[in-house]
């Protein structure tokens, strides 16, 4: 039974990696299909945060969402926005052992700032320039204690750029 679960988990991770590689190649080749539409991104992000709350509760963490505005309209590809928020919040959950995550948003002219802040382990200053590079991870080898393929933030950055935005980490 344990062996079957291990095989199933490994297959799931392999599928995630293959899907990430395909997504990245579509982004790089400009063949990603999008459906831009006007949505209230406050509602969209709030709903995503609510969905991710179960992962946080399992770890004994908090996940808060805040916006001074109830309605911020933007023309976006909903699937891309969902992937961006899910990648950022899931990353924050993965690297936070205690405390939690705050997601906030506010308009800035024609753009919207979405912040994901956590009380996690942080990123070494020397690694910050590489955080969005494909397959780059801060710790590697046997010392690595977190799973992942090193593509989540790369895809996130490419999606944000594809939608005309900018992303940074501090």
N, C-alpha and C. Protein backbone atom coordinates (compact mmCIF):
# COMPACT_ATOMS: atom_id res chain seq x y z
N UNK A 1 0.84 -1.21 0.00
CA UNK A 1 0.00 0.00 0.00
C UNK A 1 0.88 1.26 0.00
N UNK A 2 1.90 1.31 0.86
CA UNK A 2 2.79 2.47 0.91
C UNK A 2 3.55 2.65 -0.40
N UNK A 3 3.96 1.53 -0.99
CA UNK A 3 4.69 1.59 -2.25
C UNK A 3 3.80 2.14 -3.37
N UNK A 4 2.54 1.75 -3.38
CA UNK A 4 1.60 2.26 -4.39
C UNK A 4 1.41 3.77 -4.21
N UNK A 5 1.29 4.23 -2.97
CA UNK A 5 1.15 5.67 -2.72
C UNK A 5 2.40 6.43 -3.16
N UNK A 6 3.58 5.85 -2.91
CA UNK A 6 4.84 6.48 -3.32
C UNK A 6 4.92 6.58 -4.84
N UNK A 7 4.53 5.51 -5.53
CA UNK A 7 4.53 5.52 -6.99
C UNK A 7 3.54 6.57 -7.51
N UNK A 8 2.37 6.64 -6.89
CA UNK A 8 1.36 7.62 -7.30
C UNK A 8 1.86 9.05 -7.10
N UNK A 9 2.50 9.31 -5.96
CA UNK A 9 3.04 10.65 -5.69
C UNK A 9 4.14 11.01 -6.69
N UNK A 10 5.00 10.04 -6.99
CA UNK A 10 6.08 10.28 -7.95
C UNK A 10 5.52 10.56 -9.34
N UNK A 11 4.50 9.81 -9.73
CA UNK A 11 3.86 10.04 -11.02
C UNK A 11 3.22 11.42 -11.10
N UNK A 12 2.60 11.84 -9.99
CA UNK A 12 1.98 13.17 -9.94
C UNK A 12 3.04 14.26 -10.08
N UNK A 13 4.17 14.11 -9.38
CA UNK A 13 5.25 15.10 -9.48
C UNK A 13 5.83 15.15 -10.89
N UNK A 14 5.98 13.98 -11.51
CA UNK A 14 6.49 13.93 -12.88
C UNK A 14 5.53 14.63 -13.84
N UNK A 15 4.24 14.40 -13.68
CA UNK A 15 3.23 15.05 -14.52
C UNK A 15 3.26 16.57 -14.33
N UNK A 16 3.41 17.02 -13.08
CA UNK A 16 3.51 18.46 -12.81
C UNK A 16 4.73 19.05 -13.51
N UNK A 17 5.85 18.35 -13.44
CA UNK A 17 7.08 18.83 -14.07
C UNK A 17 6.90 18.91 -15.59
N UNK A 18 6.34 17.88 -16.19
CA UNK A 18 6.12 17.89 -17.64
C UNK A 18 5.17 19.01 -18.05
N UNK A 19 4.09 19.20 -17.30
CA UNK A 19 3.16 20.29 -17.59
C UNK A 19 3.83 21.65 -17.46
N UNK A 20 4.69 21.80 -16.45
CA UNK A 20 5.41 23.06 -16.27
C UNK A 20 6.35 23.33 -17.43
N UNK A 21 7.05 22.29 -17.89
CA UNK A 21 7.96 22.44 -19.03
C UNK A 21 7.17 22.82 -20.29
N UNK A 22 6.03 22.18 -20.50
CA UNK A 22 5.19 22.52 -21.66
C UNK A 22 4.69 23.96 -21.57
N UNK A 23 4.23 24.37 -20.39
CA UNK A 23 3.76 25.74 -20.20
C UNK A 23 4.88 26.74 -20.48
N UNK A 24 6.07 26.46 -19.96
CA UNK A 24 7.20 27.36 -20.15
C UNK A 24 7.56 27.45 -21.63
N UNK A 25 7.55 26.33 -22.33
CA UNK A 25 7.90 26.37 -23.76
C UNK A 25 6.85 27.14 -24.56
N UNK A 26 5.56 27.02 -24.19
CA UNK A 26 4.52 27.80 -24.88
C UNK A 26 4.69 29.29 -24.60
N UNK A 27 5.07 29.64 -23.37
CA UNK A 27 5.29 31.05 -23.04
C UNK A 27 6.47 31.60 -23.83
N UNK A 28 7.55 30.82 -23.90
CA UNK A 28 8.75 31.28 -24.59
C UNK A 28 8.55 31.37 -26.10
N UNK A 29 7.72 30.50 -26.65
CA UNK A 29 7.50 30.51 -28.10
C UNK A 29 6.35 31.44 -28.51
N UNK A 30 5.64 31.98 -27.52
CA UNK A 30 4.52 32.88 -27.81
C UNK A 30 3.27 32.16 -28.29
N UNK A 31 3.17 30.87 -28.02
CA UNK A 31 2.00 30.10 -28.49
C UNK A 31 0.97 29.84 -27.40
N UNK A 32 1.15 30.46 -26.24
CA UNK A 32 0.18 30.28 -25.16
C UNK A 32 -1.15 30.90 -25.56
N UNK A 33 -2.21 30.12 -25.45
CA UNK A 33 -3.55 30.61 -25.80
C UNK A 33 -4.16 31.29 -24.57
N UNK A 34 -4.62 32.51 -24.76
CA UNK A 34 -5.24 33.24 -23.65
C UNK A 34 -6.61 33.76 -24.07
N UNK A 35 -7.42 34.05 -23.07
CA UNK A 35 -8.76 34.62 -23.29
C UNK A 35 -8.92 35.83 -22.37
N UNK A 36 -8.35 36.97 -22.76
CA UNK A 36 -8.50 38.16 -21.92
C UNK A 36 -9.97 38.56 -21.79
N UNK A 37 -10.35 38.89 -20.57
CA UNK A 37 -11.71 39.34 -20.30
C UNK A 37 -11.69 40.27 -19.10
N UNK A 38 -12.68 41.13 -19.02
CA UNK A 38 -12.76 42.03 -17.88
C UNK A 38 -13.36 41.28 -16.70
N UNK A 39 -12.65 41.31 -15.58
CA UNK A 39 -13.14 40.67 -14.36
C UNK A 39 -12.85 41.58 -13.17
N UNK A 40 -13.51 41.30 -12.06
CA UNK A 40 -13.20 41.93 -10.79
C UNK A 40 -12.09 41.08 -10.17
N UNK A 41 -10.86 41.56 -10.23
CA UNK A 41 -9.77 40.71 -9.76
C UNK A 41 -9.74 40.59 -8.24
N UNK A 42 -10.39 41.49 -7.53
CA UNK A 42 -10.50 41.33 -6.07
C UNK A 42 -11.26 40.04 -5.77
N UNK A 43 -12.40 39.85 -6.43
CA UNK A 43 -13.18 38.62 -6.22
C UNK A 43 -12.39 37.39 -6.61
N UNK A 44 -11.69 37.47 -7.74
CA UNK A 44 -10.93 36.31 -8.24
C UNK A 44 -9.82 35.92 -7.28
N UNK A 45 -9.02 36.89 -6.85
CA UNK A 45 -7.91 36.60 -5.94
C UNK A 45 -8.44 36.13 -4.59
N UNK A 46 -9.49 36.77 -4.10
CA UNK A 46 -10.08 36.37 -2.82
C UNK A 46 -10.57 34.91 -2.87
N UNK A 47 -11.19 34.52 -3.98
CA UNK A 47 -11.66 33.13 -4.13
C UNK A 47 -10.50 32.15 -4.17
N UNK A 48 -9.42 32.51 -4.85
CA UNK A 48 -8.24 31.64 -4.90
C UNK A 48 -7.61 31.48 -3.52
N UNK A 49 -7.51 32.58 -2.79
CA UNK A 49 -6.95 32.53 -1.44
C UNK A 49 -7.81 31.62 -0.56
N UNK A 50 -9.12 31.71 -0.70
CA UNK A 50 -10.02 30.85 0.09
C UNK A 50 -9.80 29.38 -0.26
N UNK A 51 -9.58 29.07 -1.54
CA UNK A 51 -9.31 27.69 -1.94
C UNK A 51 -8.01 27.17 -1.35
N UNK A 52 -7.00 28.04 -1.28
CA UNK A 52 -5.69 27.64 -0.77
C UNK A 52 -5.64 27.58 0.75
N UNK A 53 -6.67 28.10 1.40
CA UNK A 53 -6.69 28.15 2.87
C UNK A 53 -6.60 26.78 3.51
N UNK A 54 -7.10 25.75 2.85
CA UNK A 54 -7.05 24.41 3.42
C UNK A 54 -5.61 23.92 3.57
N UNK A 55 -4.75 24.23 2.60
CA UNK A 55 -3.34 23.85 2.70
C UNK A 55 -2.69 24.50 3.91
N UNK A 56 -3.07 25.74 4.16
CA UNK A 56 -2.50 26.50 5.27
C UNK A 56 -2.96 25.95 6.61
N UNK A 57 -4.24 25.63 6.70
CA UNK A 57 -4.79 25.11 7.95
C UNK A 57 -4.12 23.79 8.33
N UNK A 58 -3.83 22.95 7.33
CA UNK A 58 -3.16 21.68 7.60
C UNK A 58 -1.79 21.89 8.24
N UNK A 59 -1.15 23.03 7.95
CA UNK A 59 0.17 23.33 8.51
C UNK A 59 0.09 24.20 9.77
N UNK A 60 -1.12 24.60 10.17
CA UNK A 60 -1.27 25.45 11.35
C UNK A 60 -0.85 26.89 11.11
N UNK A 61 -0.97 27.36 9.88
CA UNK A 61 -0.59 28.72 9.52
C UNK A 61 -1.84 29.57 9.28
N UNK A 62 -1.64 30.88 9.15
CA UNK A 62 -2.75 31.75 8.76
C UNK A 62 -2.55 32.19 7.31
N UNK A 63 -3.65 32.50 6.65
CA UNK A 63 -3.64 33.03 5.30
C UNK A 63 -4.69 34.12 5.25
N UNK A 64 -4.24 35.37 5.12
CA UNK A 64 -5.14 36.52 5.12
C UNK A 64 -5.18 37.17 3.74
N UNK A 65 -6.33 37.71 3.40
CA UNK A 65 -6.48 38.50 2.18
C UNK A 65 -7.02 39.86 2.57
N UNK A 66 -6.46 40.92 1.97
CA UNK A 66 -6.98 42.25 2.24
C UNK A 66 -6.90 43.12 0.99
N UNK A 67 -7.90 43.97 0.86
CA UNK A 67 -7.93 44.96 -0.20
C UNK A 67 -8.79 46.11 0.30
N UNK A 68 -8.31 47.32 0.11
CA UNK A 68 -9.10 48.49 0.48
C UNK A 68 -10.25 48.70 -0.49
N UNK A 69 -10.19 48.01 -1.62
CA UNK A 69 -11.20 48.15 -2.66
C UNK A 69 -11.93 46.82 -2.83
N UNK A 70 -13.24 46.89 -3.03
CA UNK A 70 -14.03 45.68 -3.26
C UNK A 70 -14.15 45.35 -4.73
N UNK A 71 -13.90 46.32 -5.58
CA UNK A 71 -14.07 46.11 -7.01
C UNK A 71 -12.93 46.77 -7.76
N UNK A 72 -12.02 45.96 -8.26
CA UNK A 72 -10.94 46.45 -9.12
C UNK A 72 -11.09 45.70 -10.44
N UNK A 73 -11.47 46.42 -11.47
CA UNK A 73 -11.71 45.82 -12.78
C UNK A 73 -10.42 45.84 -13.60
N UNK A 74 -10.18 44.73 -14.28
CA UNK A 74 -9.02 44.64 -15.16
C UNK A 74 -9.31 43.63 -16.25
N UNK A 75 -8.68 43.84 -17.39
CA UNK A 75 -8.79 42.87 -18.48
C UNK A 75 -7.59 41.94 -18.37
N UNK A 76 -7.87 40.71 -18.01
CA UNK A 76 -6.81 39.72 -17.80
C UNK A 76 -7.25 38.36 -18.34
N UNK A 77 -6.28 37.50 -18.51
CA UNK A 77 -6.58 36.10 -18.79
C UNK A 77 -6.75 35.43 -17.43
N UNK A 78 -7.96 35.00 -17.13
CA UNK A 78 -8.29 34.44 -15.81
C UNK A 78 -7.39 33.24 -15.47
N UNK A 79 -7.15 32.36 -16.44
CA UNK A 79 -6.32 31.18 -16.20
C UNK A 79 -4.90 31.58 -15.80
N UNK A 80 -4.35 32.56 -16.50
CA UNK A 80 -2.99 33.03 -16.17
C UNK A 80 -2.95 33.68 -14.80
N UNK A 81 -3.95 34.52 -14.50
CA UNK A 81 -4.00 35.16 -13.18
C UNK A 81 -4.10 34.10 -12.09
N UNK A 82 -4.95 33.11 -12.29
CA UNK A 82 -5.10 32.04 -11.30
C UNK A 82 -3.78 31.31 -11.08
N UNK A 83 -3.07 31.04 -12.16
CA UNK A 83 -1.79 30.32 -12.06
C UNK A 83 -0.76 31.17 -11.31
N UNK A 84 -0.73 32.45 -11.58
CA UNK A 84 0.21 33.36 -10.91
C UNK A 84 -0.05 33.37 -9.41
N UNK A 85 -1.29 33.60 -9.02
CA UNK A 85 -1.63 33.68 -7.60
C UNK A 85 -1.39 32.34 -6.92
N UNK A 86 -1.82 31.27 -7.55
CA UNK A 86 -1.63 29.93 -6.97
C UNK A 86 -0.15 29.62 -6.79
N UNK A 87 0.68 29.92 -7.80
CA UNK A 87 2.12 29.68 -7.68
C UNK A 87 2.73 30.47 -6.53
N UNK A 88 2.39 31.75 -6.44
CA UNK A 88 2.99 32.60 -5.40
C UNK A 88 2.55 32.18 -4.00
N UNK A 89 1.25 31.95 -3.82
CA UNK A 89 0.76 31.57 -2.49
C UNK A 89 1.24 30.17 -2.12
N UNK A 90 1.22 29.24 -3.07
CA UNK A 90 1.70 27.88 -2.78
C UNK A 90 3.17 27.89 -2.40
N UNK A 91 3.96 28.72 -3.08
CA UNK A 91 5.37 28.86 -2.74
C UNK A 91 5.53 29.40 -1.32
N UNK A 92 4.74 30.40 -0.98
CA UNK A 92 4.79 30.97 0.37
C UNK A 92 4.41 29.92 1.41
N UNK A 93 3.39 29.12 1.11
CA UNK A 93 2.98 28.07 2.04
C UNK A 93 4.10 27.05 2.21
N UNK A 94 4.71 26.65 1.10
CA UNK A 94 5.76 25.63 1.14
C UNK A 94 6.94 26.05 2.02
N UNK A 95 7.30 27.34 1.96
CA UNK A 95 8.49 27.80 2.67
C UNK A 95 8.20 28.50 4.00
N UNK A 96 6.98 28.37 4.49
CA UNK A 96 6.61 28.97 5.77
C UNK A 96 6.29 27.86 6.76
N UNK A 97 7.04 27.82 7.84
CA UNK A 97 6.84 26.77 8.86
C UNK A 97 5.95 27.24 10.00
N UNK A 98 6.01 28.54 10.29
CA UNK A 98 5.14 29.10 11.34
C UNK A 98 4.76 30.52 10.97
N UNK A 99 3.66 30.97 11.53
CA UNK A 99 3.16 32.30 11.18
C UNK A 99 2.16 32.17 10.05
N UNK A 100 2.45 32.84 8.92
CA UNK A 100 1.52 32.73 7.83
C UNK A 100 1.80 33.64 6.66
N UNK A 101 0.76 33.84 5.86
CA UNK A 101 0.87 34.54 4.60
C UNK A 101 -0.21 35.62 4.51
N UNK A 102 0.18 36.78 4.05
CA UNK A 102 -0.76 37.87 3.78
C UNK A 102 -0.77 38.16 2.29
N UNK A 103 -1.95 38.20 1.70
CA UNK A 103 -2.12 38.56 0.30
C UNK A 103 -2.91 39.87 0.28
N UNK A 104 -2.37 40.88 -0.40
CA UNK A 104 -3.06 42.16 -0.46
C UNK A 104 -3.00 42.70 -1.88
N UNK A 105 -3.90 43.62 -2.17
CA UNK A 105 -3.89 44.21 -3.50
C UNK A 105 -4.42 45.63 -3.47
N UNK A 106 -3.91 46.43 -4.41
CA UNK A 106 -4.37 47.80 -4.55
C UNK A 106 -4.04 48.29 -5.96
N UNK A 107 -4.89 49.17 -6.50
CA UNK A 107 -4.62 49.70 -7.84
C UNK A 107 -3.50 50.74 -7.80
N UNK A 108 -2.75 50.77 -8.90
CA UNK A 108 -1.72 51.80 -9.13
C UNK A 108 -1.87 52.26 -10.57
N UNK A 109 -2.64 53.30 -10.76
CA UNK A 109 -2.90 53.76 -12.13
C UNK A 109 -3.64 52.70 -12.90
N UNK A 110 -3.07 52.28 -14.04
CA UNK A 110 -3.71 51.26 -14.87
C UNK A 110 -3.28 49.84 -14.49
N UNK A 111 -2.46 49.73 -13.48
CA UNK A 111 -2.02 48.41 -13.04
C UNK A 111 -2.50 48.14 -11.62
N UNK A 112 -2.39 46.90 -11.22
CA UNK A 112 -2.79 46.49 -9.87
C UNK A 112 -1.60 45.81 -9.21
N UNK A 113 -1.30 46.25 -8.00
CA UNK A 113 -0.23 45.62 -7.23
C UNK A 113 -0.84 44.52 -6.37
N UNK A 114 -0.33 43.32 -6.53
CA UNK A 114 -0.74 42.19 -5.69
C UNK A 114 0.50 41.76 -4.93
N UNK A 115 0.40 41.78 -3.61
CA UNK A 115 1.53 41.40 -2.75
C UNK A 115 1.24 40.08 -2.06
N UNK A 116 2.24 39.23 -2.02
CA UNK A 116 2.19 38.00 -1.24
C UNK A 116 3.37 38.07 -0.29
N UNK A 117 3.07 38.23 0.99
CA UNK A 117 4.11 38.35 2.01
C UNK A 117 3.96 37.20 3.01
N UNK A 118 5.09 36.64 3.43
CA UNK A 118 5.01 35.52 4.36
C UNK A 118 6.06 35.65 5.46
N UNK A 119 5.92 34.81 6.46
CA UNK A 119 6.87 34.77 7.57
C UNK A 119 7.80 33.58 7.41
N UNK A 120 8.02 33.17 6.17
CA UNK A 120 8.83 31.99 5.87
C UNK A 120 10.31 32.20 6.05
N UNK A 121 11.07 31.25 5.53
CA UNK A 121 12.51 31.20 5.75
C UNK A 121 13.27 32.29 5.00
N UNK A 122 12.62 32.91 4.02
CA UNK A 122 13.27 33.99 3.28
C UNK A 122 14.22 33.47 2.22
N UNK A 123 14.80 34.39 1.50
CA UNK A 123 15.73 34.07 0.41
C UNK A 123 17.02 34.82 0.68
N UNK A 124 18.13 34.11 0.56
CA UNK A 124 19.44 34.74 0.74
C UNK A 124 19.61 35.86 -0.29
N UNK A 125 20.20 36.98 0.14
CA UNK A 125 20.41 38.11 -0.78
C UNK A 125 21.16 37.70 -2.04
N UNK A 126 22.13 36.80 -1.90
CA UNK A 126 22.92 36.37 -3.05
C UNK A 126 22.13 35.58 -4.07
N UNK A 127 21.00 35.02 -3.66
CA UNK A 127 20.19 34.23 -4.59
C UNK A 127 19.11 35.05 -5.27
N UNK A 128 18.80 36.23 -4.75
CA UNK A 128 17.72 37.06 -5.30
C UNK A 128 17.80 37.29 -6.82
N UNK A 129 19.00 37.54 -7.39
CA UNK A 129 19.05 37.75 -8.84
C UNK A 129 18.67 36.52 -9.67
N UNK A 130 18.67 35.34 -9.05
CA UNK A 130 18.43 34.10 -9.78
C UNK A 130 17.07 33.48 -9.51
N UNK A 131 16.28 34.09 -8.65
CA UNK A 131 15.05 33.48 -8.15
C UNK A 131 14.05 33.15 -9.26
N UNK A 132 14.08 33.88 -10.37
CA UNK A 132 13.13 33.63 -11.46
C UNK A 132 13.71 32.79 -12.60
N UNK A 133 14.94 32.30 -12.46
CA UNK A 133 15.56 31.48 -13.50
C UNK A 133 15.05 30.05 -13.43
N UNK A 134 14.86 29.45 -14.60
CA UNK A 134 14.35 28.08 -14.68
C UNK A 134 15.29 27.09 -14.00
N UNK A 135 14.70 26.18 -13.26
CA UNK A 135 15.38 25.08 -12.57
C UNK A 135 16.35 25.53 -11.49
N UNK A 136 16.36 26.82 -11.15
CA UNK A 136 17.25 27.31 -10.09
C UNK A 136 16.55 27.19 -8.76
N UNK A 137 17.24 26.62 -7.80
CA UNK A 137 16.71 26.52 -6.44
C UNK A 137 17.82 26.92 -5.49
N UNK A 138 17.40 27.56 -4.41
CA UNK A 138 18.39 28.10 -3.49
C UNK A 138 19.26 27.01 -2.88
N UNK A 139 18.65 25.94 -2.43
CA UNK A 139 19.44 24.83 -1.90
C UNK A 139 19.25 23.64 -2.82
N UNK A 140 20.34 22.92 -3.04
CA UNK A 140 20.30 21.78 -3.95
C UNK A 140 20.91 20.57 -3.27
N UNK A 141 20.81 19.45 -3.92
CA UNK A 141 21.44 18.24 -3.41
C UNK A 141 20.71 17.67 -2.21
N UNK A 142 21.44 16.92 -1.42
CA UNK A 142 20.87 16.22 -0.28
C UNK A 142 20.43 17.18 0.83
N UNK A 143 20.98 18.38 0.85
CA UNK A 143 20.63 19.34 1.91
C UNK A 143 19.26 19.97 1.66
N UNK A 144 18.72 19.77 0.47
CA UNK A 144 17.44 20.39 0.11
C UNK A 144 16.30 19.74 0.88
N UNK A 145 15.48 20.56 1.52
CA UNK A 145 14.39 20.00 2.32
C UNK A 145 13.00 20.34 1.77
N UNK A 146 12.93 20.96 0.58
CA UNK A 146 11.65 21.32 -0.01
C UNK A 146 11.55 20.75 -1.42
N UNK A 147 10.37 20.22 -1.75
CA UNK A 147 10.15 19.67 -3.08
C UNK A 147 9.86 20.78 -4.08
N UNK A 148 10.05 20.46 -5.34
CA UNK A 148 9.74 21.39 -6.41
C UNK A 148 10.69 21.19 -7.56
N UNK A 149 10.29 21.71 -8.73
CA UNK A 149 11.12 21.52 -9.91
C UNK A 149 11.85 22.80 -10.33
N UNK A 150 11.66 23.87 -9.60
CA UNK A 150 12.36 25.11 -9.92
C UNK A 150 11.78 25.85 -11.12
N UNK A 151 10.51 25.56 -11.46
CA UNK A 151 9.89 26.24 -12.60
C UNK A 151 8.75 27.16 -12.21
N UNK A 152 8.22 27.03 -11.01
CA UNK A 152 7.05 27.80 -10.60
C UNK A 152 7.24 29.30 -10.72
N UNK A 153 8.32 29.82 -10.17
CA UNK A 153 8.54 31.27 -10.23
C UNK A 153 8.94 31.73 -11.63
N UNK A 154 9.61 30.85 -12.38
CA UNK A 154 9.96 31.19 -13.77
C UNK A 154 8.68 31.37 -14.59
N UNK A 155 7.77 30.41 -14.47
CA UNK A 155 6.49 30.49 -15.18
C UNK A 155 5.70 31.70 -14.71
N UNK A 156 5.70 31.94 -13.40
CA UNK A 156 4.98 33.09 -12.85
C UNK A 156 5.49 34.39 -13.46
N UNK A 157 6.81 34.55 -13.50
CA UNK A 157 7.39 35.78 -14.07
C UNK A 157 7.02 35.93 -15.54
N UNK A 158 7.09 34.84 -16.28
CA UNK A 158 6.76 34.90 -17.71
C UNK A 158 5.28 35.24 -17.92
N UNK A 159 4.41 34.66 -17.09
CA UNK A 159 2.98 34.97 -17.20
C UNK A 159 2.70 36.44 -16.88
N UNK A 160 3.34 36.93 -15.82
CA UNK A 160 3.16 38.34 -15.45
C UNK A 160 3.63 39.24 -16.59
N UNK A 161 4.80 38.94 -17.16
CA UNK A 161 5.32 39.73 -18.28
C UNK A 161 4.40 39.63 -19.49
N UNK A 162 3.91 38.42 -19.76
CA UNK A 162 3.00 38.18 -20.89
C UNK A 162 1.75 39.03 -20.77
N UNK A 163 1.31 39.27 -19.53
CA UNK A 163 0.11 40.07 -19.29
C UNK A 163 0.43 41.56 -19.16
N UNK A 164 1.70 41.94 -19.40
CA UNK A 164 2.09 43.34 -19.38
C UNK A 164 2.45 43.87 -18.01
N UNK A 165 2.70 42.97 -17.07
CA UNK A 165 3.03 43.39 -15.71
C UNK A 165 4.49 43.19 -15.37
N UNK A 166 4.79 43.39 -14.12
CA UNK A 166 6.15 43.25 -13.61
C UNK A 166 6.06 42.54 -12.27
N UNK A 167 7.08 41.77 -11.93
CA UNK A 167 7.12 41.06 -10.66
C UNK A 167 8.50 41.23 -10.05
N UNK A 168 8.54 41.38 -8.75
CA UNK A 168 9.84 41.44 -8.07
C UNK A 168 9.72 40.77 -6.71
N UNK A 169 10.86 40.53 -6.12
CA UNK A 169 10.92 39.87 -4.82
C UNK A 169 11.84 40.68 -3.92
N UNK A 170 11.47 40.78 -2.67
CA UNK A 170 12.32 41.49 -1.70
C UNK A 170 12.39 40.69 -0.42
